[in-house]
Amino acid sequence: MSKKYMINTGTGALHIVGFCSHTTKTRPVHIKYFDTEEEAYLEFGRKVSPCDLCQREKEKRMEDRK
């Protein structure tokens, strides 16, 4: 199973892989992958902030399912 979430350790932004352009152009040195959102929050705690672009895409995809 592929990793679904990534944190840019330089910025603390939590991304959903494939939901924004930042998941493809971030330098590998600054990336840590996770299977779930909860795993990322458990490891990084309050240092994590969700990516606004990823959140908008997530909401859009949820609306499209309805």
PDB file of N, CA and C in Angstrom:
ATOM      1  N   MET A   1       0.851  -1.181   0.000  1.00  0.00           N
ATOM      2  CA  MET A   1       0.000   0.000   0.000  1.00  0.00           C
ATOM      3  C   MET A   1       0.894   1.240   0.000  1.00  0.00           C
ATOM      4  N   SER A   2       0.585   2.196  -0.834  1.00  0.00           N
ATOM      5  CA  SER A   2       1.391   3.405  -0.912  1.00  0.00           C
ATOM      6  C   SER A   2       1.021   4.379   0.206  1.00  0.00           C
ATOM      7  N   LYS A   3       1.972   5.223   0.520  1.00  0.00           N
ATOM      8  CA  LYS A   3       1.753   6.220   1.563  1.00  0.00           C
ATOM      9  C   LYS A   3       0.796   7.276   1.040  1.00  0.00           C
ATOM     10  N   LYS A   4      -0.108   7.720   1.893  1.00  0.00           N
ATOM     11  CA  LYS A   4      -1.139   8.657   1.464  1.00  0.00           C
ATOM     12  C   LYS A   4      -0.913  10.079   1.955  1.00  0.00           C
ATOM     13  N   TYR A   5      -0.111  10.245   2.988  1.00  0.00           N
ATOM     14  CA  TYR A   5       0.112  11.565   3.564  1.00  0.00           C
ATOM     15  C   TYR A   5       1.605  11.834   3.652  1.00  0.00           C
ATOM     16  N   MET A   6       1.970  13.099   3.563  1.00  0.00           N
ATOM     17  CA  MET A   6       3.370  13.465   3.729  1.00  0.00           C
ATOM     18  C   MET A   6       3.468  14.783   4.473  1.00  0.00           C
ATOM     19  N   ILE A   7       4.531  14.902   5.230  1.00  0.00           N
ATOM     20  CA  ILE A   7       4.817  16.154   5.924  1.00  0.00           C
ATOM     21  C   ILE A   7       6.084  16.733   5.327  1.00  0.00           C
ATOM     22  N   ASN A   8       6.025  18.002   5.008  1.00  0.00           N
ATOM     23  CA  ASN A   8       7.215  18.736   4.635  1.00  0.00           C
ATOM     24  C   ASN A   8       7.813  19.181   5.960  1.00  0.00           C
ATOM     25  N   THR A   9       8.899  18.544   6.353  1.00  0.00           N
ATOM     26  CA  THR A   9       9.484  18.832   7.667  1.00  0.00           C
ATOM     27  C   THR A   9      10.073  20.232   7.745  1.00  0.00           C
ATOM     28  N   GLY A  10      10.331  20.844   6.609  1.00  0.00           N
ATOM     29  CA  GLY A  10      10.832  22.216   6.601  1.00  0.00           C
ATOM     30  C   GLY A  10       9.768  23.233   6.953  1.00  0.00           C
ATOM     31  N   THR A  11       8.533  22.986   6.488  1.00  0.00           N
ATOM     32  CA  THR A  11       7.443  23.932   6.721  1.00  0.00           C
ATOM     33  C   THR A  11       6.429  23.439   7.751  1.00  0.00           C
ATOM     34  N   GLY A  12       6.386  22.134   7.997  1.00  0.00           N
ATOM     35  CA  GLY A  12       5.402  21.560   8.911  1.00  0.00           C
ATOM     36  C   GLY A  12       4.049  21.353   8.265  1.00  0.00           C
ATOM     37  N   ALA A  13       3.981  21.463   6.941  1.00  0.00           N
ATOM     38  CA  ALA A  13       2.702  21.312   6.239  1.00  0.00           C
ATOM     39  C   ALA A  13       2.395  19.835   5.988  1.00  0.00           C
ATOM     40  N   LEU A  14       1.176  19.446   6.302  1.00  0.00           N
ATOM     41  CA  LEU A  14       0.700  18.090   6.060  1.00  0.00           C
ATOM     42  C   LEU A  14      -0.039  18.074   4.735  1.00  0.00           C
ATOM     43  N   HIS A  15       0.432  17.251   3.811  1.00  0.00           N
ATOM     44  CA  HIS A  15      -0.154  17.151   2.479  1.00  0.00           C
ATOM     45  C   HIS A  15      -0.771  15.777   2.267  1.00  0.00           C
ATOM     46  N   ILE A  16      -1.782  15.718   1.419  1.00  0.00           N
ATOM     47  CA  ILE A  16      -2.343  14.463   0.947  1.00  0.00           C
ATOM     48  C   ILE A  16      -1.696  14.227  -0.416  1.00  0.00           C
ATOM     49  N   VAL A  17      -0.991  13.124  -0.551  1.00  0.00           N
ATOM     50  CA  VAL A  17      -0.217  12.864  -1.762  1.00  0.00           C
ATOM     51  C   VAL A  17      -1.128  12.889  -2.993  1.00  0.00           C
ATOM     52  N   GLY A  18      -0.730  13.714  -3.965  1.00  0.00           N
ATOM     53  CA  GLY A  18      -1.473  13.830  -5.208  1.00  0.00           C
ATOM     54  C   GLY A  18      -2.555  14.887  -5.216  1.00  0.00           C
ATOM     55  N   PHE A  19      -2.794  15.545  -4.100  1.00  0.00           N
ATOM     56  CA  PHE A  19      -3.858  16.539  -4.030  1.00  0.00           C
ATOM     57  C   PHE A  19      -3.393  17.954  -4.357  1.00  0.00           C
ATOM     58  N   CYS A  20      -2.078  18.212  -4.325  1.00  0.00           N
ATOM     59  CA  CYS A  20      -1.561  19.530  -4.687  1.00  0.00           C
ATOM     60  C   CYS A  20      -0.167  19.386  -5.296  1.00  0.00           C
ATOM     61  N   SER A  21       0.288  20.450  -5.909  1.00  0.00           N
ATOM     62  CA  SER A  21       1.577  20.408  -6.596  1.00  0.00           C
ATOM     63  C   SER A  21       2.754  20.305  -5.634  1.00  0.00           C
ATOM     64  N   HIS A  22       2.561  20.652  -4.388  1.00  0.00           N
ATOM     65  CA  HIS A  22       3.653  20.596  -3.415  1.00  0.00           C
ATOM     66  C   HIS A  22       4.111  19.170  -3.135  1.00  0.00           C
ATOM     67  N   THR A  23       3.263  18.195  -3.406  1.00  0.00           N
ATOM     68  CA  THR A  23       3.642  16.807  -3.132  1.00  0.00           C
ATOM     69  C   THR A  23       4.587  16.263  -4.193  1.00  0.00           C
ATOM     70  N   THR A  24       4.732  16.966  -5.300  1.00  0.00           N
ATOM     71  CA  THR A  24       5.621  16.485  -6.352  1.00  0.00           C
ATOM     72  C   THR A  24       6.914  17.280  -6.455  1.00  0.00           C
ATOM     73  N   LYS A  25       6.941  18.500  -5.954  1.00  0.00           N
ATOM     74  CA  LYS A  25       8.129  19.321  -6.130  1.00  0.00           C
ATOM     75  C   LYS A  25       8.927  19.586  -4.853  1.00  0.00           C
ATOM     76  N   THR A  26       8.560  18.966  -3.754  1.00  0.00           N
ATOM     77  CA  THR A  26       9.286  19.139  -2.503  1.00  0.00           C
ATOM     78  C   THR A  26      10.537  18.270  -2.521  1.00  0.00           C
ATOM     79  N   ARG A  27      11.628  18.810  -2.020  1.00  0.00           N
ATOM     80  CA  ARG A  27      12.878  18.048  -1.987  1.00  0.00           C
ATOM     81  C   ARG A  27      12.748  16.859  -1.047  1.00  0.00           C
ATOM     82  N   PRO A  28      13.241  15.692  -1.462  1.00  0.00           N
ATOM     83  CA  PRO A  28      13.111  14.466  -0.645  1.00  0.00           C
ATOM     84  C   PRO A  28      13.679  14.579   0.760  1.00  0.00           C
ATOM     85  N   VAL A  29      14.648  15.454   0.964  1.00  0.00           N
ATOM     86  CA  VAL A  29      15.242  15.634   2.288  1.00  0.00           C
ATOM     87  C   VAL A  29      14.210  16.144   3.289  1.00  0.00           C
ATOM     88  N   HIS A  30      13.218  16.889   2.816  1.00  0.00           N
ATOM     89  CA  HIS A  30      12.230  17.523   3.689  1.00  0.00           C
ATOM     90  C   HIS A  30      10.907  16.763   3.771  1.00  0.00           C
ATOM     91  N   ILE A  31      10.886  15.497   3.361  1.00  0.00           N
ATOM     92  CA  ILE A  31       9.629  14.759   3.306  1.00  0.00           C
ATOM     93  C   ILE A  31       9.650  13.552   4.232  1.00  0.00           C
ATOM     94  N   LYS A  32       8.534  13.350   4.917  1.00  0.00           N
ATOM     95  CA  LYS A  32       8.320  12.132   5.683  1.00  0.00           C
ATOM     96  C   LYS A  32       6.905  11.655   5.358  1.00  0.00           C
ATOM     97  N   TYR A  33       6.788  10.380   4.987  1.00  0.00           N
ATOM     98  CA  TYR A  33       5.506   9.813   4.556  1.00  0.00           C
ATOM     99  C   TYR A  33       4.814   9.046   5.672  1.00  0.00           C
ATOM    100  N   PHE A  34       3.476   9.029   5.596  1.00  0.00           N
ATOM    101  CA  PHE A  34       2.643   8.321   6.564  1.00  0.00           C
ATOM    102  C   PHE A  34       1.468   7.661   5.844  1.00  0.00           C
ATOM    103  N   ASP A  35       0.963   6.591   6.442  1.00  0.00           N
ATOM    104  CA  ASP A  35      -0.217   5.911   5.897  1.00  0.00           C
ATOM    105  C   ASP A  35      -1.505   6.625   6.288  1.00  0.00           C
ATOM    106  N   THR A  36      -1.508   7.228   7.473  1.00  0.00           N
ATOM    107  CA  THR A  36      -2.715   7.907   7.945  1.00  0.00           C
ATOM    108  C   THR A  36      -2.386   9.296   8.465  1.00  0.00           C
ATOM    109  N   GLU A  37      -3.390  10.122   8.488  1.00  0.00           N
ATOM    110  CA  GLU A  37      -3.263  11.477   9.018  1.00  0.00           C
ATOM    111  C   GLU A  37      -2.936  11.428  10.518  1.00  0.00           C
ATOM    112  N   GLU A  38      -3.540  10.478  11.217  1.00  0.00           N
ATOM    113  CA  GLU A  38      -3.340  10.351  12.655  1.00  0.00           C
ATOM    114  C   GLU A  38      -1.878  10.056  12.996  1.00  0.00           C
ATOM    115  N   GLU A  39      -1.219   9.203  12.184  1.00  0.00           N
ATOM    116  CA  GLU A  39       0.187   8.888  12.420  1.00  0.00           C
ATOM    117  C   GLU A  39       1.044  10.156  12.351  1.00  0.00           C
ATOM    118  N   ALA A  40       0.751  11.000  11.388  1.00  0.00           N
ATOM    119  CA  ALA A  40       1.507  12.252  11.230  1.00  0.00           C
ATOM    120  C   ALA A  40       1.320  13.149  12.445  1.00  0.00           C
ATOM    121  N   TYR A  41       0.083  13.281  12.913  1.00  0.00           N
ATOM    122  CA  TYR A  41      -0.186  14.125  14.081  1.00  0.00           C
ATOM    123  C   TYR A  41       0.435  13.544  15.351  1.00  0.00           C
ATOM    124  N   LEU A  42       0.435  12.220  15.467  1.00  0.00           N
ATOM    125  CA  LEU A  42       1.046  11.607  16.649  1.00  0.00           C
ATOM    126  C   LEU A  42       2.546  11.873  16.705  1.00  0.00           C
ATOM    127  N   GLU A  43       3.203  11.829  15.555  1.00  0.00           N
ATOM    128  CA  GLU A  43       4.653  12.034  15.548  1.00  0.00           C
ATOM    129  C   GLU A  43       5.058  13.502  15.649  1.00  0.00           C
ATOM    130  N   PHE A  44       4.312  14.396  15.004  1.00  0.00           N
ATOM    131  CA  PHE A  44       4.719  15.797  14.947  1.00  0.00           C
ATOM    132  C   PHE A  44       3.874  16.732  15.807  1.00  0.00           C
ATOM    133  N   GLY A  45       2.742  16.270  16.271  1.00  0.00           N
ATOM    134  CA  GLY A  45       1.907  17.062  17.166  1.00  0.00           C
ATOM    135  C   GLY A  45       1.484  18.404  16.602  1.00  0.00           C
ATOM    136  N   ARG A  46       1.632  19.440  17.399  1.00  0.00           N
ATOM    137  CA  ARG A  46       1.172  20.781  17.024  1.00  0.00           C
ATOM    138  C   ARG A  46       2.052  21.459  15.986  1.00  0.00           C
ATOM    139  N   LYS A  47       3.159  20.837  15.633  1.00  0.00           N
ATOM    140  CA  LYS A  47       4.038  21.395  14.607  1.00  0.00           C
ATOM    141  C   LYS A  47       3.441  21.245  13.216  1.00  0.00           C
ATOM    142  N   VAL A  48       2.375  20.465  13.097  1.00  0.00           N
ATOM    143  CA  VAL A  48       1.762  20.162  11.805  1.00  0.00           C
ATOM    144  C   VAL A  48       0.594  21.096  11.533  1.00  0.00           C
ATOM    145  N   SER A  49       0.533  21.583  10.295  1.00  0.00           N
ATOM    146  CA  SER A  49      -0.643  22.336   9.858  1.00  0.00           C
ATOM    147  C   SER A  49      -1.073  21.785   8.498  1.00  0.00           C
ATOM    148  N   PRO A  50      -2.358  21.537   8.325  1.00  0.00           N
ATOM    149  CA  PRO A  50      -2.827  20.982   7.056  1.00  0.00           C
ATOM    150  C   PRO A  50      -2.621  21.968   5.912  1.00  0.00           C
ATOM    151  N   CYS A  51      -2.270  21.452   4.762  1.00  0.00           N
ATOM    152  CA  CYS A  51      -2.111  22.265   3.559  1.00  0.00           C
ATOM    153  C   CYS A  51      -3.491  22.752   3.105  1.00  0.00           C
ATOM    154  N   ASP A  52      -3.629  24.051   2.885  1.00  0.00           N
ATOM    155  CA  ASP A  52      -4.909  24.612   2.457  1.00  0.00           C
ATOM    156  C   ASP A  52      -5.350  24.065   1.098  1.00  0.00           C
ATOM    157  N   LEU A  53      -4.413  23.917   0.173  1.00  0.00           N
ATOM    158  CA  LEU A  53      -4.751  23.399  -1.157  1.00  0.00           C
ATOM    159  C   LEU A  53      -5.256  21.962  -1.078  1.00  0.00           C
ATOM    160  N   CYS A  54      -4.583  21.143  -0.275  1.00  0.00           N
ATOM    161  CA  CYS A  54      -5.009  19.749  -0.116  1.00  0.00           C
ATOM    162  C   CYS A  54      -6.384  19.657   0.539  1.00  0.00           C
ATOM    163  N   GLN A  55      -6.628  20.507   1.528  1.00  0.00           N
ATOM    164  CA  GLN A  55      -7.923  20.486   2.210  1.00  0.00           C
ATOM    165  C   GLN A  55      -9.061  20.875   1.267  1.00  0.00           C
ATOM    166  N   ARG A  56      -8.813  21.893   0.418  1.00  0.00           N
ATOM    167  CA  ARG A  56      -9.837  22.292  -0.558  1.00  0.00           C
ATOM    168  C   ARG A  56     -10.128  21.169  -1.542  1.00  0.00           C
ATOM    169  N   GLU A  57      -9.069  20.500  -2.003  1.00  0.00           N
ATOM    170  CA  GLU A  57      -9.244  19.387  -2.944  1.00  0.00           C
ATOM    171  C   GLU A  57      -9.983  18.231  -2.271  1.00  0.00           C
ATOM    172  N   LYS A  58      -9.675  17.965  -1.014  1.00  0.00           N
ATOM    173  CA  LYS A  58     -10.348  16.904  -0.252  1.00  0.00           C
ATOM    174  C   LYS A  58     -11.841  17.201  -0.145  1.00  0.00           C
ATOM    175  N   GLU A  59     -12.174  18.450   0.205  1.00  0.00           N
ATOM    176  CA  GLU A  59     -13.581  18.843   0.325  1.00  0.00           C
ATOM    177  C   GLU A  59     -14.289  18.758  -1.018  1.00  0.00           C
ATOM    178  N   LYS A  60     -13.615  19.170  -2.074  1.00  0.00           N
ATOM    179  CA  LYS A  60     -14.199  19.117  -3.416  1.00  0.00           C
ATOM    180  C   LYS A  60     -14.507  17.677  -3.807  1.00  0.00           C
ATOM    181  N   ARG A  61     -13.578  16.771  -3.554  1.00  0.00           N
ATOM    182  CA  ARG A  61     -13.786  15.367  -3.895  1.00  0.00           C
ATOM    183  C   ARG A  61     -14.894  14.734  -3.065  1.00  0.00           C
ATOM    184  N   MET A  62     -15.027  15.174  -1.812  1.00  0.00           N
ATOM    185  CA  MET A  62     -16.110  14.654  -0.978  1.00  0.00           C
ATOM    186  C   MET A  62     -17.454  15.140  -1.494  1.00  0.00           C
ATOM    187  N   GLU A  63     -17.521  16.385  -1.941  1.00  0.00           N
ATOM    188  CA  GLU A  63     -18.766  16.934  -2.505  1.00  0.00           C
ATOM    189  C   GLU A  63     -19.137  16.212  -3.799  1.00  0.00           C
ATOM    190  N   ASP A  64     -18.135  15.903  -4.612  1.00  0.00           N
ATOM    191  CA  ASP A  64     -18.391  15.210  -5.879  1.00  0.00           C
ATOM    192  C   ASP A  64     -18.954  13.818  -5.673  1.00  0.00           C
ATOM    193  N   ARG A  65     -18.665  13.201  -4.548  1.00  0.00           N
ATOM    194  CA  ARG A  65     -19.179  11.860  -4.252  1.00  0.00           C
ATOM    195  C   ARG A  65     -20.655  11.864  -3.921  1.00  0.00           C
ATOM    196  N   LYS A  66     -21.173  13.005  -3.493  1.00  0.00           N
ATOM    197  CA  LYS A  66     -22.587  13.097  -3.083  1.00  0.00           C
ATOM    198  C   LYS A  66     -23.513  13.087  -4.263  1.00  0.00           C
TER     199      LYS A  66
END
